[in-house]
Amino acid sequence: MVSRGEVWEYIAGSQQYRVLVISNDEWNDQPGVSPWGLFIARTGPQTLTVGLTESDPLPGAVVHIPKVLRIDPSGLRANCGHVSHDTMHTVEEALRDFLALIHARSTAWRC
């Protein structure tokens, strides 16, 4: 099973990447679905990225917030571990900023 907050080695076509799973575990557990993730690179721009810390897999690498992708589970090769709670929180906040979503953990849904 793929879990939210995990970093994976991922192969798509002839390219190899590292990805951070961002979709929730209830979604990821459903048969036939593709988890959602973000690309991770060794370096990147100073904006729209979140740096991985010493307590994360791949310390010093960066999560690219705008590079959201659907992950084909057949391309997942190796689980590199979970990012820390603090890092995942920072990624969540960066995604909210990027997508202009409400920040507070509001339970009010609006149509």
Protein backbone atom coordinates (compact mmCIF):
# COMPACT_ATOMS: atom_id res chain seq x y z
CA MET A 1 0.00 0.00 0.00
CA VAL A 2 1.08 3.56 -0.72
CA SER A 3 0.68 6.01 2.17
CA ARG A 4 0.42 9.76 2.34
CA GLY A 5 3.75 11.32 3.25
CA GLU A 6 5.89 8.54 1.76
CA VAL A 7 8.75 9.22 -0.63
CA TRP A 8 9.08 6.69 -3.47
CA GLU A 9 11.42 6.00 -6.35
CA TYR A 10 9.14 6.16 -9.37
CA ILE A 11 9.67 5.21 -13.01
CA ALA A 12 7.53 6.72 -15.78
CA GLY A 13 8.59 5.69 -19.28
CA SER A 14 12.37 5.99 -19.44
CA GLN A 15 12.57 8.57 -16.63
CA GLN A 16 13.23 7.89 -12.96
CA TYR A 17 11.94 10.28 -10.30
CA ARG A 18 11.39 10.55 -6.61
CA VAL A 19 7.88 11.51 -5.57
CA LEU A 20 6.09 12.48 -2.36
CA VAL A 21 2.62 10.94 -2.02
CA ILE A 22 0.06 13.64 -1.10
CA SER A 23 -3.29 11.89 -1.59
CA ASN A 24 -5.00 10.60 1.55
CA ASP A 25 -4.80 6.98 2.60
CA GLU A 26 -8.52 6.35 2.14
CA TRP A 27 -8.10 7.26 -1.55
CA ASN A 28 -4.84 5.35 -1.90
CA ASP A 29 -6.45 2.17 -0.48
CA GLN A 30 -9.17 2.01 -3.14
CA PRO A 31 -8.64 -0.59 -5.86
CA GLY A 32 -7.68 0.76 -9.27
CA VAL A 33 -6.94 4.35 -8.24
CA SER A 34 -3.80 6.34 -8.89
CA PRO A 35 -2.33 8.16 -5.90
CA TRP A 36 -1.41 11.83 -6.28
CA GLY A 37 2.11 13.06 -5.68
CA LEU A 38 4.69 15.82 -6.08
CA PHE A 39 8.07 15.61 -7.78
CA ILE A 40 11.20 15.76 -5.64
CA ALA A 41 14.54 16.95 -7.03
CA ARG A 42 18.02 17.47 -5.62
CA THR A 43 17.85 21.19 -6.38
CA GLY A 44 15.31 23.69 -7.53
CA PRO A 45 14.16 27.27 -7.55
CA GLN A 46 13.81 29.11 -4.27
CA THR A 47 10.08 29.65 -4.81
CA LEU A 48 7.28 27.11 -4.85
CA THR A 49 9.44 24.41 -3.26
CA VAL A 50 9.70 22.87 0.19
CA GLY A 51 13.10 21.70 1.36
CA LEU A 52 13.53 18.28 2.93
CA THR A 53 15.28 18.34 6.30
CA GLU A 54 17.68 16.00 8.07
CA SER A 55 14.74 14.10 9.54
CA ASP A 56 13.32 13.34 6.05
CA PRO A 57 14.37 10.89 3.36
CA LEU A 58 16.68 12.66 0.86
CA PRO A 59 17.71 15.59 3.13
CA GLY A 60 18.56 18.69 1.14
CA ALA A 61 16.29 17.79 -1.79
CA VAL A 62 13.23 19.90 -2.59
CA VAL A 63 9.57 19.11 -3.20
CA HIS A 64 8.27 20.99 -6.25
CA ILE A 65 4.80 22.23 -5.29
CA PRO A 66 3.52 23.00 -8.84
CA LYS A 67 4.59 19.60 -10.19
CA VAL A 68 1.55 17.55 -9.17
CA LEU A 69 1.17 14.17 -10.85
CA ARG A 70 -0.98 11.07 -10.80
CA ILE A 71 1.20 8.15 -9.83
CA ASP A 72 0.85 4.90 -11.75
CA PRO A 73 1.31 2.34 -8.95
CA SER A 74 3.11 -0.02 -11.35
CA GLY A 75 5.91 2.56 -11.63
CA LEU A 76 6.68 2.62 -7.91
CA ARG A 77 10.00 0.89 -7.23
CA ALA A 78 11.31 1.55 -3.72
CA ASN A 79 9.86 3.20 -0.64
CA CYS A 80 12.44 5.68 0.68
CA GLY A 81 10.51 6.43 3.90
CA HIS A 82 8.14 9.05 5.34
CA VAL A 83 8.73 12.78 5.55
CA SER A 84 8.40 14.29 9.02
CA HIS A 85 5.12 15.69 10.30
CA ASP A 86 6.58 19.21 10.13
CA THR A 87 7.66 18.77 6.51
CA MET A 88 4.26 17.38 5.51
CA HIS A 89 2.56 20.32 7.23
CA THR A 90 4.78 22.74 5.29
CA VAL A 91 3.95 20.95 2.01
CA GLU A 92 0.22 21.18 2.85
CA GLU A 93 0.48 24.91 3.52
CA ALA A 94 2.47 25.47 0.31
CA LEU A 95 -0.15 23.57 -1.71
CA ARG A 96 -2.91 25.69 -0.15
CA ASP A 97 -0.99 28.87 -1.08
CA PHE A 98 -0.33 27.64 -4.62
CA LEU A 99 -3.98 26.64 -5.17
CA ALA A 100 -5.40 29.63 -3.23
CA LEU A 101 -7.33 27.37 -0.82
CA ILE A 102 -8.60 28.23 2.65
CA HIS A 103 -5.80 27.77 5.20
CA ALA A 104 -7.54 27.12 8.47
CA ARG A 105 -8.67 23.55 9.04
CA SER A 106 -12.20 24.67 8.36
CA THR A 107 -14.93 22.07 8.41
CA ALA A 108 -17.30 24.36 6.53
CA TRP A 109 -17.67 23.35 2.90
CA ARG A 110 -19.17 25.84 0.52
CA CYS A 111 -20.89 25.13 -2.75
